[in-house]
């Protein structure tokens, strides 16, 4: 509900530093 009130059109995911070692599978 709070995010919808911010009216955010895109969200970057899953990182950040985390993505550089991430296996999406």
PDBML (XML) file of the C-alpha atoms, coordinates in Angstrom:
<?xml version="1.0" encoding="UTF-8" ?>
<PDBx:datablock datablockName="MODEL"
   xmlns:PDBx="http://pdbml.pdb.org/schema/pdbx-v50.xsd"
   xmlns:xsi="http://www.w3.org/2001/XMLSchema-instance"
   xsi:schemaLocation="http://pdbml.pdb.org/schema/pdbx-v50.xsd pdbx-v50.xsd">
   <PDBx:atom_siteCategory>
      <PDBx:atom_site id="1">
         <PDBx:B_iso_or_equiv>0.00</PDBx:B_iso_or_equiv>
         <PDBx:Cartn_x>0.000</PDBx:Cartn_x>
         <PDBx:Cartn_y>0.000</PDBx:Cartn_y>
         <PDBx:Cartn_z>0.000</PDBx:Cartn_z>
         <PDBx:auth_asym_id>A</PDBx:auth_asym_id>
         <PDBx:auth_atom_id>CA</PDBx:auth_atom_id>
         <PDBx:auth_comp_id>UNK</PDBx:auth_comp_id>
         <PDBx:auth_seq_id>1</PDBx:auth_seq_id>
         <PDBx:group_PDB>ATOM</PDBx:group_PDB>
         <PDBx:label_alt_id xsi:nil="true" />
         <PDBx:label_asym_id>A</PDBx:label_asym_id>
         <PDBx:label_atom_id>CA</PDBx:label_atom_id>
         <PDBx:label_comp_id>UNK</PDBx:label_comp_id>
         <PDBx:label_entity_id>1</PDBx:label_entity_id>
         <PDBx:label_seq_id>1</PDBx:label_seq_id>
         <PDBx:occupancy>1.00</PDBx:occupancy>
         <PDBx:pdbx_PDB_model_num>1</PDBx:pdbx_PDB_model_num>
         <PDBx:type_symbol>C</PDBx:type_symbol>
      </PDBx:atom_site>
      <PDBx:atom_site id="2">
         <PDBx:B_iso_or_equiv>0.00</PDBx:B_iso_or_equiv>
         <PDBx:Cartn_x>2.803</PDBx:Cartn_x>
         <PDBx:Cartn_y>2.437</PDBx:Cartn_y>
         <PDBx:Cartn_z>0.881</PDBx:Cartn_z>
         <PDBx:auth_asym_id>A</PDBx:auth_asym_id>
         <PDBx:auth_atom_id>CA</PDBx:auth_atom_id>
         <PDBx:auth_comp_id>UNK</PDBx:auth_comp_id>
         <PDBx:auth_seq_id>2</PDBx:auth_seq_id>
         <PDBx:group_PDB>ATOM</PDBx:group_PDB>
         <PDBx:label_alt_id xsi:nil="true" />
         <PDBx:label_asym_id>A</PDBx:label_asym_id>
         <PDBx:label_atom_id>CA</PDBx:label_atom_id>
         <PDBx:label_comp_id>UNK</PDBx:label_comp_id>
         <PDBx:label_entity_id>1</PDBx:label_entity_id>
         <PDBx:label_seq_id>2</PDBx:label_seq_id>
         <PDBx:occupancy>1.00</PDBx:occupancy>
         <PDBx:pdbx_PDB_model_num>1</PDBx:pdbx_PDB_model_num>
         <PDBx:type_symbol>C</PDBx:type_symbol>
      </PDBx:atom_site>
      <PDBx:atom_site id="3">
         <PDBx:B_iso_or_equiv>0.00</PDBx:B_iso_or_equiv>
         <PDBx:Cartn_x>4.699</PDBx:Cartn_x>
         <PDBx:Cartn_y>1.581</PDBx:Cartn_y>
         <PDBx:Cartn_z>-2.328</PDBx:Cartn_z>
         <PDBx:auth_asym_id>A</PDBx:auth_asym_id>
         <PDBx:auth_atom_id>CA</PDBx:auth_atom_id>
         <PDBx:auth_comp_id>UNK</PDBx:auth_comp_id>
         <PDBx:auth_seq_id>3</PDBx:auth_seq_id>
         <PDBx:group_PDB>ATOM</PDBx:group_PDB>
         <PDBx:label_alt_id xsi:nil="true" />
         <PDBx:label_asym_id>A</PDBx:label_asym_id>
         <PDBx:label_atom_id>CA</PDBx:label_atom_id>
         <PDBx:label_comp_id>UNK</PDBx:label_comp_id>
         <PDBx:label_entity_id>1</PDBx:label_entity_id>
         <PDBx:label_seq_id>3</PDBx:label_seq_id>
         <PDBx:occupancy>1.00</PDBx:occupancy>
         <PDBx:pdbx_PDB_model_num>1</PDBx:pdbx_PDB_model_num>
         <PDBx:type_symbol>C</PDBx:type_symbol>
      </PDBx:atom_site>
      <PDBx:atom_site id="4">
         <PDBx:B_iso_or_equiv>0.00</PDBx:B_iso_or_equiv>
         <PDBx:Cartn_x>1.583</PDBx:Cartn_x>
         <PDBx:Cartn_y>2.099</PDBx:Cartn_y>
         <PDBx:Cartn_z>-4.445</PDBx:Cartn_z>
         <PDBx:auth_asym_id>A</PDBx:auth_asym_id>
         <PDBx:auth_atom_id>CA</PDBx:auth_atom_id>
         <PDBx:auth_comp_id>UNK</PDBx:auth_comp_id>
         <PDBx:auth_seq_id>4</PDBx:auth_seq_id>
         <PDBx:group_PDB>ATOM</PDBx:group_PDB>
         <PDBx:label_alt_id xsi:nil="true" />
         <PDBx:label_asym_id>A</PDBx:label_asym_id>
         <PDBx:label_atom_id>CA</PDBx:label_atom_id>
         <PDBx:label_comp_id>UNK</PDBx:label_comp_id>
         <PDBx:label_entity_id>1</PDBx:label_entity_id>
         <PDBx:label_seq_id>4</PDBx:label_seq_id>
         <PDBx:occupancy>1.00</PDBx:occupancy>
         <PDBx:pdbx_PDB_model_num>1</PDBx:pdbx_PDB_model_num>
         <PDBx:type_symbol>C</PDBx:type_symbol>
      </PDBx:atom_site>
      <PDBx:atom_site id="5">
         <PDBx:B_iso_or_equiv>0.00</PDBx:B_iso_or_equiv>
         <PDBx:Cartn_x>1.217</PDBx:Cartn_x>
         <PDBx:Cartn_y>5.572</PDBx:Cartn_y>
         <PDBx:Cartn_z>-2.913</PDBx:Cartn_z>
         <PDBx:auth_asym_id>A</PDBx:auth_asym_id>
         <PDBx:auth_atom_id>CA</PDBx:auth_atom_id>
         <PDBx:auth_comp_id>UNK</PDBx:auth_comp_id>
         <PDBx:auth_seq_id>5</PDBx:auth_seq_id>
         <PDBx:group_PDB>ATOM</PDBx:group_PDB>
         <PDBx:label_alt_id xsi:nil="true" />
         <PDBx:label_asym_id>A</PDBx:label_asym_id>
         <PDBx:label_atom_id>CA</PDBx:label_atom_id>
         <PDBx:label_comp_id>UNK</PDBx:label_comp_id>
         <PDBx:label_entity_id>1</PDBx:label_entity_id>
         <PDBx:label_seq_id>5</PDBx:label_seq_id>
         <PDBx:occupancy>1.00</PDBx:occupancy>
         <PDBx:pdbx_PDB_model_num>1</PDBx:pdbx_PDB_model_num>
         <PDBx:type_symbol>C</PDBx:type_symbol>
      </PDBx:atom_site>
      <PDBx:atom_site id="6">
         <PDBx:B_iso_or_equiv>0.00</PDBx:B_iso_or_equiv>
         <PDBx:Cartn_x>4.762</PDBx:Cartn_x>
         <PDBx:Cartn_y>6.390</PDBx:Cartn_y>
         <PDBx:Cartn_z>-4.067</PDBx:Cartn_z>
         <PDBx:auth_asym_id>A</PDBx:auth_asym_id>
         <PDBx:auth_atom_id>CA</PDBx:auth_atom_id>
         <PDBx:auth_comp_id>UNK</PDBx:auth_comp_id>
         <PDBx:auth_seq_id>6</PDBx:auth_seq_id>
         <PDBx:group_PDB>ATOM</PDBx:group_PDB>
         <PDBx:label_alt_id xsi:nil="true" />
         <PDBx:label_asym_id>A</PDBx:label_asym_id>
         <PDBx:label_atom_id>CA</PDBx:label_atom_id>
         <PDBx:label_comp_id>UNK</PDBx:label_comp_id>
         <PDBx:label_entity_id>1</PDBx:label_entity_id>
         <PDBx:label_seq_id>6</PDBx:label_seq_id>
         <PDBx:occupancy>1.00</PDBx:occupancy>
         <PDBx:pdbx_PDB_model_num>1</PDBx:pdbx_PDB_model_num>
         <PDBx:type_symbol>C</PDBx:type_symbol>
      </PDBx:atom_site>
      <PDBx:atom_site id="7">
         <PDBx:B_iso_or_equiv>0.00</PDBx:B_iso_or_equiv>
         <PDBx:Cartn_x>3.738</PDBx:Cartn_x>
         <PDBx:Cartn_y>5.605</PDBx:Cartn_y>
         <PDBx:Cartn_z>-7.667</PDBx:Cartn_z>
         <PDBx:auth_asym_id>A</PDBx:auth_asym_id>
         <PDBx:auth_atom_id>CA</PDBx:auth_atom_id>
         <PDBx:auth_comp_id>UNK</PDBx:auth_comp_id>
         <PDBx:auth_seq_id>7</PDBx:auth_seq_id>
         <PDBx:group_PDB>ATOM</PDBx:group_PDB>
         <PDBx:label_alt_id xsi:nil="true" />
         <PDBx:label_asym_id>A</PDBx:label_asym_id>
         <PDBx:label_atom_id>CA</PDBx:label_atom_id>
         <PDBx:label_comp_id>UNK</PDBx:label_comp_id>
         <PDBx:label_entity_id>1</PDBx:label_entity_id>
         <PDBx:label_seq_id>7</PDBx:label_seq_id>
         <PDBx:occupancy>1.00</PDBx:occupancy>
         <PDBx:pdbx_PDB_model_num>1</PDBx:pdbx_PDB_model_num>
         <PDBx:type_symbol>C</PDBx:type_symbol>
      </PDBx:atom_site>
      <PDBx:atom_site id="8">
         <PDBx:B_iso_or_equiv>0.00</PDBx:B_iso_or_equiv>
         <PDBx:Cartn_x>7.037</PDBx:Cartn_x>
         <PDBx:Cartn_y>3.895</PDBx:Cartn_y>
         <PDBx:Cartn_z>-8.556</PDBx:Cartn_z>
         <PDBx:auth_asym_id>A</PDBx:auth_asym_id>
         <PDBx:auth_atom_id>CA</PDBx:auth_atom_id>
         <PDBx:auth_comp_id>UNK</PDBx:auth_comp_id>
         <PDBx:auth_seq_id>8</PDBx:auth_seq_id>
         <PDBx:group_PDB>ATOM</PDBx:group_PDB>
         <PDBx:label_alt_id xsi:nil="true" />
         <PDBx:label_asym_id>A</PDBx:label_asym_id>
         <PDBx:label_atom_id>CA</PDBx:label_atom_id>
         <PDBx:label_comp_id>UNK</PDBx:label_comp_id>
         <PDBx:label_entity_id>1</PDBx:label_entity_id>
         <PDBx:label_seq_id>8</PDBx:label_seq_id>
         <PDBx:occupancy>1.00</PDBx:occupancy>
         <PDBx:pdbx_PDB_model_num>1</PDBx:pdbx_PDB_model_num>
         <PDBx:type_symbol>C</PDBx:type_symbol>
      </PDBx:atom_site>
      <PDBx:atom_site id="9">
         <PDBx:B_iso_or_equiv>0.00</PDBx:B_iso_or_equiv>
         <PDBx:Cartn_x>7.082</PDBx:Cartn_x>
         <PDBx:Cartn_y>2.866</PDBx:Cartn_y>
         <PDBx:Cartn_z>-12.256</PDBx:Cartn_z>
         <PDBx:auth_asym_id>A</PDBx:auth_asym_id>
         <PDBx:auth_atom_id>CA</PDBx:auth_atom_id>
         <PDBx:auth_comp_id>UNK</PDBx:auth_comp_id>
         <PDBx:auth_seq_id>9</PDBx:auth_seq_id>
         <PDBx:group_PDB>ATOM</PDBx:group_PDB>
         <PDBx:label_alt_id xsi:nil="true" />
         <PDBx:label_asym_id>A</PDBx:label_asym_id>
         <PDBx:label_atom_id>CA</PDBx:label_atom_id>
         <PDBx:label_comp_id>UNK</PDBx:label_comp_id>
         <PDBx:label_entity_id>1</PDBx:label_entity_id>
         <PDBx:label_seq_id>9</PDBx:label_seq_id>
         <PDBx:occupancy>1.00</PDBx:occupancy>
         <PDBx:pdbx_PDB_model_num>1</PDBx:pdbx_PDB_model_num>
         <PDBx:type_symbol>C</PDBx:type_symbol>
      </PDBx:atom_site>
      <PDBx:atom_site id="10">
         <PDBx:B_iso_or_equiv>0.00</PDBx:B_iso_or_equiv>
         <PDBx:Cartn_x>10.163</PDBx:Cartn_x>
         <PDBx:Cartn_y>0.602</PDBx:Cartn_y>
         <PDBx:Cartn_z>-12.186</PDBx:Cartn_z>
         <PDBx:auth_asym_id>A</PDBx:auth_asym_id>
         <PDBx:auth_atom_id>CA</PDBx:auth_atom_id>
         <PDBx:auth_comp_id>UNK</PDBx:auth_comp_id>
         <PDBx:auth_seq_id>10</PDBx:auth_seq_id>
         <PDBx:group_PDB>ATOM</PDBx:group_PDB>
         <PDBx:label_alt_id xsi:nil="true" />
         <PDBx:label_asym_id>A</PDBx:label_asym_id>
         <PDBx:label_atom_id>CA</PDBx:label_atom_id>
         <PDBx:label_comp_id>UNK</PDBx:label_comp_id>
         <PDBx:label_entity_id>1</PDBx:label_entity_id>
         <PDBx:label_seq_id>10</PDBx:label_seq_id>
         <PDBx:occupancy>1.00</PDBx:occupancy>
         <PDBx:pdbx_PDB_model_num>1</PDBx:pdbx_PDB_model_num>
         <PDBx:type_symbol>C</PDBx:type_symbol>
      </PDBx:atom_site>
      <PDBx:atom_site id="11">
         <PDBx:B_iso_or_equiv>0.00</PDBx:B_iso_or_equiv>
         <PDBx:Cartn_x>12.127</PDBx:Cartn_x>
         <PDBx:Cartn_y>-1.271</PDBx:Cartn_y>
         <PDBx:Cartn_z>-9.531</PDBx:Cartn_z>
         <PDBx:auth_asym_id>A</PDBx:auth_asym_id>
         <PDBx:auth_atom_id>CA</PDBx:auth_atom_id>
         <PDBx:auth_comp_id>UNK</PDBx:auth_comp_id>
         <PDBx:auth_seq_id>11</PDBx:auth_seq_id>
         <PDBx:group_PDB>ATOM</PDBx:group_PDB>
         <PDBx:label_alt_id xsi:nil="true" />
         <PDBx:label_asym_id>A</PDBx:label_asym_id>
         <PDBx:label_atom_id>CA</PDBx:label_atom_id>
         <PDBx:label_comp_id>UNK</PDBx:label_comp_id>
         <PDBx:label_entity_id>1</PDBx:label_entity_id>
         <PDBx:label_seq_id>11</PDBx:label_seq_id>
         <PDBx:occupancy>1.00</PDBx:occupancy>
         <PDBx:pdbx_PDB_model_num>1</PDBx:pdbx_PDB_model_num>
         <PDBx:type_symbol>C</PDBx:type_symbol>
      </PDBx:atom_site>
      <PDBx:atom_site id="12">
         <PDBx:B_iso_or_equiv>0.00</PDBx:B_iso_or_equiv>
         <PDBx:Cartn_x>15.701</PDBx:Cartn_x>
         <PDBx:Cartn_y>-2.408</PDBx:Cartn_y>
         <PDBx:Cartn_z>-10.112</PDBx:Cartn_z>
         <PDBx:auth_asym_id>A</PDBx:auth_asym_id>
         <PDBx:auth_atom_id>CA</PDBx:auth_atom_id>
         <PDBx:auth_comp_id>UNK</PDBx:auth_comp_id>
         <PDBx:auth_seq_id>12</PDBx:auth_seq_id>
         <PDBx:group_PDB>ATOM</PDBx:group_PDB>
         <PDBx:label_alt_id xsi:nil="true" />
         <PDBx:label_asym_id>A</PDBx:label_asym_id>
         <PDBx:label_atom_id>CA</PDBx:label_atom_id>
         <PDBx:label_comp_id>UNK</PDBx:label_comp_id>
         <PDBx:label_entity_id>1</PDBx:label_entity_id>
         <PDBx:label_seq_id>12</PDBx:label_seq_id>
         <PDBx:occupancy>1.00</PDBx:occupancy>
         <PDBx:pdbx_PDB_model_num>1</PDBx:pdbx_PDB_model_num>
         <PDBx:type_symbol>C</PDBx:type_symbol>
      </PDBx:atom_site>
      <PDBx:atom_site id="13">
         <PDBx:B_iso_or_equiv>0.00</PDBx:B_iso_or_equiv>
         <PDBx:Cartn_x>16.365</PDBx:Cartn_x>
         <PDBx:Cartn_y>-6.021</PDBx:Cartn_y>
         <PDBx:Cartn_z>-9.016</PDBx:Cartn_z>
         <PDBx:auth_asym_id>A</PDBx:auth_asym_id>
         <PDBx:auth_atom_id>CA</PDBx:auth_atom_id>
         <PDBx:auth_comp_id>UNK</PDBx:auth_comp_id>
         <PDBx:auth_seq_id>13</PDBx:auth_seq_id>
         <PDBx:group_PDB>ATOM</PDBx:group_PDB>
         <PDBx:label_alt_id xsi:nil="true" />
         <PDBx:label_asym_id>A</PDBx:label_asym_id>
         <PDBx:label_atom_id>CA</PDBx:label_atom_id>
         <PDBx:label_comp_id>UNK</PDBx:label_comp_id>
         <PDBx:label_entity_id>1</PDBx:label_entity_id>
         <PDBx:label_seq_id>13</PDBx:label_seq_id>
         <PDBx:occupancy>1.00</PDBx:occupancy>
         <PDBx:pdbx_PDB_model_num>1</PDBx:pdbx_PDB_model_num>
         <PDBx:type_symbol>C</PDBx:type_symbol>
      </PDBx:atom_site>
      <PDBx:atom_site id="14">
         <PDBx:B_iso_or_equiv>0.00</PDBx:B_iso_or_equiv>
         <PDBx:Cartn_x>18.126</PDBx:Cartn_x>
         <PDBx:Cartn_y>-8.169</PDBx:Cartn_y>
         <PDBx:Cartn_z>-7.666</PDBx:Cartn_z>
         <PDBx:auth_asym_id>A</PDBx:auth_asym_id>
         <PDBx:auth_atom_id>CA</PDBx:auth_atom_id>
         <PDBx:auth_comp_id>UNK</PDBx:auth_comp_id>
         <PDBx:auth_seq_id>14</PDBx:auth_seq_id>
         <PDBx:group_PDB>ATOM</PDBx:group_PDB>
         <PDBx:label_alt_id xsi:nil="true" />
         <PDBx:label_asym_id>A</PDBx:label_asym_id>
         <PDBx:label_atom_id>CA</PDBx:label_atom_id>
         <PDBx:label_comp_id>UNK</PDBx:label_comp_id>
         <PDBx:label_entity_id>1</PDBx:label_entity_id>
         <PDBx:label_seq_id>14</PDBx:label_seq_id>
         <PDBx:occupancy>1.00</PDBx:occupancy>
         <PDBx:pdbx_PDB_model_num>1</PDBx:pdbx_PDB_model_num>
         <PDBx:type_symbol>C</PDBx:type_symbol>
      </PDBx:atom_site>
      <PDBx:atom_site id="15">
         <PDBx:B_iso_or_equiv>0.00</PDBx:B_iso_or_equiv>
         <PDBx:Cartn_x>21.171</PDBx:Cartn_x>
         <PDBx:Cartn_y>-5.942</PDBx:Cartn_y>
         <PDBx:Cartn_z>-7.105</PDBx:Cartn_z>
         <PDBx:auth_asym_id>A</PDBx:auth_asym_id>
         <PDBx:auth_atom_id>CA</PDBx:auth_atom_id>
         <PDBx:auth_comp_id>UNK</PDBx:auth_comp_id>
         <PDBx:auth_seq_id>15</PDBx:auth_seq_id>
         <PDBx:group_PDB>ATOM</PDBx:group_PDB>
         <PDBx:label_alt_id xsi:nil="true" />
         <PDBx:label_asym_id>A</PDBx:label_asym_id>
         <PDBx:label_atom_id>CA</PDBx:label_atom_id>
         <PDBx:label_comp_id>UNK</PDBx:label_comp_id>
         <PDBx:label_entity_id>1</PDBx:label_entity_id>
         <PDBx:label_seq_id>15</PDBx:label_seq_id>
         <PDBx:occupancy>1.00</PDBx:occupancy>
         <PDBx:pdbx_PDB_model_num>1</PDBx:pdbx_PDB_model_num>
         <PDBx:type_symbol>C</PDBx:type_symbol>
      </PDBx:atom_site>
      <PDBx:atom_site id="16">
         <PDBx:B_iso_or_equiv>0.00</PDBx:B_iso_or_equiv>
         <PDBx:Cartn_x>23.423</PDBx:Cartn_x>
         <PDBx:Cartn_y>-4.171</PDBx:Cartn_y>
         <PDBx:Cartn_z>-6.520</PDBx:Cartn_z>
         <PDBx:auth_asym_id>A</PDBx:auth_asym_id>
         <PDBx:auth_atom_id>CA</PDBx:auth_atom_id>
         <PDBx:auth_comp_id>UNK</PDBx:auth_comp_id>
         <PDBx:auth_seq_id>16</PDBx:auth_seq_id>
         <PDBx:group_PDB>ATOM</PDBx:group_PDB>
         <PDBx:label_alt_id xsi:nil="true" />
         <PDBx:label_asym_id>A</PDBx:label_asym_id>
         <PDBx:label_atom_id>CA</PDBx:label_atom_id>
         <PDBx:label_comp_id>UNK</PDBx:label_comp_id>
         <PDBx:label_entity_id>1</PDBx:label_entity_id>
         <PDBx:label_seq_id>16</PDBx:label_seq_id>
         <PDBx:occupancy>1.00</PDBx:occupancy>
         <PDBx:pdbx_PDB_model_num>1</PDBx:pdbx_PDB_model_num>
         <PDBx:type_symbol>C</PDBx:type_symbol>
      </PDBx:atom_site>
      <PDBx:atom_site id="17">
         <PDBx:B_iso_or_equiv>0.00</PDBx:B_iso_or_equiv>
         <PDBx:Cartn_x>26.546</PDBx:Cartn_x>
         <PDBx:Cartn_y>-5.947</PDBx:Cartn_y>
         <PDBx:Cartn_z>-5.339</PDBx:Cartn_z>
         <PDBx:auth_asym_id>A</PDBx:auth_asym_id>
         <PDBx:auth_atom_id>CA</PDBx:auth_atom_id>
         <PDBx:auth_comp_id>UNK</PDBx:auth_comp_id>
         <PDBx:auth_seq_id>17</PDBx:auth_seq_id>
         <PDBx:group_PDB>ATOM</PDBx:group_PDB>
         <PDBx:label_alt_id xsi:nil="true" />
         <PDBx:label_asym_id>A</PDBx:label_asym_id>
         <PDBx:label_atom_id>CA</PDBx:label_atom_id>
         <PDBx:label_comp_id>UNK</PDBx:label_comp_id>
         <PDBx:label_entity_id>1</PDBx:label_entity_id>
         <PDBx:label_seq_id>17</PDBx:label_seq_id>
         <PDBx:occupancy>1.00</PDBx:occupancy>
         <PDBx:pdbx_PDB_model_num>1</PDBx:pdbx_PDB_model_num>
         <PDBx:type_symbol>C</PDBx:type_symbol>
      </PDBx:atom_site>
      <PDBx:atom_site id="18">
         <PDBx:B_iso_or_equiv>0.00</PDBx:B_iso_or_equiv>
         <PDBx:Cartn_x>24.464</PDBx:Cartn_x>
         <PDBx:Cartn_y>-9.079</PDBx:Cartn_y>
         <PDBx:Cartn_z>-4.765</PDBx:Cartn_z>
         <PDBx:auth_asym_id>A</PDBx:auth_asym_id>
         <PDBx:auth_atom_id>CA</PDBx:auth_atom_id>
         <PDBx:auth_comp_id>UNK</PDBx:auth_comp_id>
         <PDBx:auth_seq_id>18</PDBx:auth_seq_id>
         <PDBx:group_PDB>ATOM</PDBx:group_PDB>
         <PDBx:label_alt_id xsi:nil="true" />
         <PDBx:label_asym_id>A</PDBx:label_asym_id>
         <PDBx:label_atom_id>CA</PDBx:label_atom_id>
         <PDBx:label_comp_id>UNK</PDBx:label_comp_id>
         <PDBx:label_entity_id>1</PDBx:label_entity_id>
         <PDBx:label_seq_id>18</PDBx:label_seq_id>
         <PDBx:occupancy>1.00</PDBx:occupancy>
         <PDBx:pdbx_PDB_model_num>1</PDBx:pdbx_PDB_model_num>
         <PDBx:type_symbol>C</PDBx:type_symbol>
      </PDBx:atom_site>
      <PDBx:atom_site id="19">
         <PDBx:B_iso_or_equiv>0.00</PDBx:B_iso_or_equiv>
         <PDBx:Cartn_x>23.903</PDBx:Cartn_x>
         <PDBx:Cartn_y>-9.664</PDBx:Cartn_y>
         <PDBx:Cartn_z>-8.489</PDBx:Cartn_z>
         <PDBx:auth_asym_id>A</PDBx:auth_asym_id>
         <PDBx:auth_atom_id>CA</PDBx:auth_atom_id>
         <PDBx:auth_comp_id>UNK</PDBx:auth_comp_id>
         <PDBx:auth_seq_id>19</PDBx:auth_seq_id>
         <PDBx:group_PDB>ATOM</PDBx:group_PDB>
         <PDBx:label_alt_id xsi:nil="true" />
         <PDBx:label_asym_id>A</PDBx:label_asym_id>
         <PDBx:label_atom_id>CA</PDBx:label_atom_id>
         <PDBx:label_comp_id>UNK</PDBx:label_comp_id>
         <PDBx:label_entity_id>1</PDBx:label_entity_id>
         <PDBx:label_seq_id>19</PDBx:label_seq_id>
         <PDBx:occupancy>1.00</PDBx:occupancy>
         <PDBx:pdbx_PDB_model_num>1</PDBx:pdbx_PDB_model_num>
         <PDBx:type_symbol>C</PDBx:type_symbol>
      </PDBx:atom_site>
      <PDBx:atom_site id="20">
         <PDBx:B_iso_or_equiv>0.00</PDBx:B_iso_or_equiv>
         <PDBx:Cartn_x>27.610</PDBx:Cartn_x>
         <PDBx:Cartn_y>-10.115</PDBx:Cartn_y>
         <PDBx:Cartn_z>-9.232</PDBx:Cartn_z>
         <PDBx:auth_asym_id>A</PDBx:auth_asym_id>
         <PDBx:auth_atom_id>CA</PDBx:auth_atom_id>
         <PDBx:auth_comp_id>UNK</PDBx:auth_comp_id>
         <PDBx:auth_seq_id>20</PDBx:auth_seq_id>
         <PDBx:group_PDB>ATOM</PDBx:group_PDB>
         <PDBx:label_alt_id xsi:nil="true" />
         <PDBx:label_asym_id>A</PDBx:label_asym_id>
         <PDBx:label_atom_id>CA</PDBx:label_atom_id>
         <PDBx:label_comp_id>UNK</PDBx:label_comp_id>
         <PDBx:label_entity_id>1</PDBx:label_entity_id>
         <PDBx:label_seq_id>20</PDBx:label_seq_id>
         <PDBx:occupancy>1.00</PDBx:occupancy>
         <PDBx:pdbx_PDB_model_num>1</PDBx:pdbx_PDB_model_num>
         <PDBx:type_symbol>C</PDBx:type_symbol>
      </PDBx:atom_site>
      <PDBx:atom_site id="21">
         <PDBx:B_iso_or_equiv>0.00</PDBx:B_iso_or_equiv>
         <PDBx:Cartn_x>27.583</PDBx:Cartn_x>
         <PDBx:Cartn_y>-13.559</PDBx:Cartn_y>
         <PDBx:Cartn_z>-7.596</PDBx:Cartn_z>
         <PDBx:auth_asym_id>A</PDBx:auth_asym_id>
         <PDBx:auth_atom_id>CA</PDBx:auth_atom_id>
         <PDBx:auth_comp_id>UNK</PDBx:auth_comp_id>
         <PDBx:auth_seq_id>21</PDBx:auth_seq_id>
         <PDBx:group_PDB>ATOM</PDBx:group_PDB>
         <PDBx:label_alt_id xsi:nil="true" />
         <PDBx:label_asym_id>A</PDBx:label_asym_id>
         <PDBx:label_atom_id>CA</PDBx:label_atom_id>
         <PDBx:label_comp_id>UNK</PDBx:label_comp_id>
         <PDBx:label_entity_id>1</PDBx:label_entity_id>
         <PDBx:label_seq_id>21</PDBx:label_seq_id>
         <PDBx:occupancy>1.00</PDBx:occupancy>
         <PDBx:pdbx_PDB_model_num>1</PDBx:pdbx_PDB_model_num>
         <PDBx:type_symbol>C</PDBx:type_symbol>
      </PDBx:atom_site>
      <PDBx:atom_site id="22">
         <PDBx:B_iso_or_equiv>0.00</PDBx:B_iso_or_equiv>
         <PDBx:Cartn_x>23.958</PDBx:Cartn_x>
         <PDBx:Cartn_y>-14.522</PDBx:Cartn_y>
         <PDBx:Cartn_z>-8.207</PDBx:Cartn_z>
         <PDBx:auth_asym_id>A</PDBx:auth_asym_id>
         <PDBx:auth_atom_id>CA</PDBx:auth_atom_id>
         <PDBx:auth_comp_id>UNK</PDBx:auth_comp_id>
         <PDBx:auth_seq_id>22</PDBx:auth_seq_id>
         <PDBx:group_PDB>ATOM</PDBx:group_PDB>
         <PDBx:label_alt_id xsi:nil="true" />
         <PDBx:label_asym_id>A</PDBx:label_asym_id>
         <PDBx:label_atom_id>CA</PDBx:label_atom_id>
         <PDBx:label_comp_id>UNK</PDBx:label_comp_id>
         <PDBx:label_entity_id>1</PDBx:label_entity_id>
         <PDBx:label_seq_id>22</PDBx:label_seq_id>
         <PDBx:occupancy>1.00</PDBx:occupancy>
         <PDBx:pdbx_PDB_model_num>1</PDBx:pdbx_PDB_model_num>
         <PDBx:type_symbol>C</PDBx:type_symbol>
      </PDBx:atom_site>
      <PDBx:atom_site id="23">
         <PDBx:B_iso_or_equiv>0.00</PDBx:B_iso_or_equiv>
         <PDBx:Cartn_x>22.686</PDBx:Cartn_x>
         <PDBx:Cartn_y>-17.564</PDBx:Cartn_y>
         <PDBx:Cartn_z>-10.088</PDBx:Cartn_z>
         <PDBx:auth_asym_id>A</PDBx:auth_asym_id>
         <PDBx:auth_atom_id>CA</PDBx:auth_atom_id>
         <PDBx:auth_comp_id>UNK</PDBx:auth_comp_id>
         <PDBx:auth_seq_id>23</PDBx:auth_seq_id>
         <PDBx:group_PDB>ATOM</PDBx:group_PDB>
         <PDBx:label_alt_id xsi:nil="true" />
         <PDBx:label_asym_id>A</PDBx:label_asym_id>
         <PDBx:label_atom_id>CA</PDBx:label_atom_id>
         <PDBx:label_comp_id>UNK</PDBx:label_comp_id>
         <PDBx:label_entity_id>1</PDBx:label_entity_id>
         <PDBx:label_seq_id>23</PDBx:label_seq_id>
         <PDBx:occupancy>1.00</PDBx:occupancy>
         <PDBx:pdbx_PDB_model_num>1</PDBx:pdbx_PDB_model_num>
         <PDBx:type_symbol>C</PDBx:type_symbol>
      </PDBx:atom_site>
      <PDBx:atom_site id="24">
         <PDBx:B_iso_or_equiv>0.00</PDBx:B_iso_or_equiv>
         <PDBx:Cartn_x>19.127</PDBx:Cartn_x>
         <PDBx:Cartn_y>-16.639</PDBx:Cartn_y>
         <PDBx:Cartn_z>-11.020</PDBx:Cartn_z>
         <PDBx:auth_asym_id>A</PDBx:auth_asym_id>
         <PDBx:auth_atom_id>CA</PDBx:auth_atom_id>
         <PDBx:auth_comp_id>UNK</PDBx:auth_comp_id>
         <PDBx:auth_seq_id>24</PDBx:auth_seq_id>
         <PDBx:group_PDB>ATOM</PDBx:group_PDB>
         <PDBx:label_alt_id xsi:nil="true" />
         <PDBx:label_asym_id>A</PDBx:label_asym_id>
         <PDBx:label_atom_id>CA</PDBx:label_atom_id>
         <PDBx:label_comp_id>UNK</PDBx:label_comp_id>
         <PDBx:label_entity_id>1</PDBx:label_entity_id>
         <PDBx:label_seq_id>24</PDBx:label_seq_id>
         <PDBx:occupancy>1.00</PDBx:occupancy>
         <PDBx:pdbx_PDB_model_num>1</PDBx:pdbx_PDB_model_num>
         <PDBx:type_symbol>C</PDBx:type_symbol>
      </PDBx:atom_site>
      <PDBx:atom_site id="25">
         <PDBx:B_iso_or_equiv>0.00</PDBx:B_iso_or_equiv>
         <PDBx:Cartn_x>18.302</PDBx:Cartn_x>
         <PDBx:Cartn_y>-20.333</PDBx:Cartn_y>
         <PDBx:Cartn_z>-11.533</PDBx:Cartn_z>
         <PDBx:auth_asym_id>A</PDBx:auth_asym_id>
         <PDBx:auth_atom_id>CA</PDBx:auth_atom_id>
         <PDBx:auth_comp_id>UNK</PDBx:auth_comp_id>
         <PDBx:auth_seq_id>25</PDBx:auth_seq_id>
         <PDBx:group_PDB>ATOM</PDBx:group_PDB>
         <PDBx:label_alt_id xsi:nil="true" />
         <PDBx:label_asym_id>A</PDBx:label_asym_id>
         <PDBx:label_atom_id>CA</PDBx:label_atom_id>
         <PDBx:label_comp_id>UNK</PDBx:label_comp_id>
         <PDBx:label_entity_id>1</PDBx:label_entity_id>
         <PDBx:label_seq_id>25</PDBx:label_seq_id>
         <PDBx:occupancy>1.00</PDBx:occupancy>
         <PDBx:pdbx_PDB_model_num>1</PDBx:pdbx_PDB_model_num>
         <PDBx:type_symbol>C</PDBx:type_symbol>
      </PDBx:atom_site>
   </PDBx:atom_siteCategory>
</PDBx:datablock>
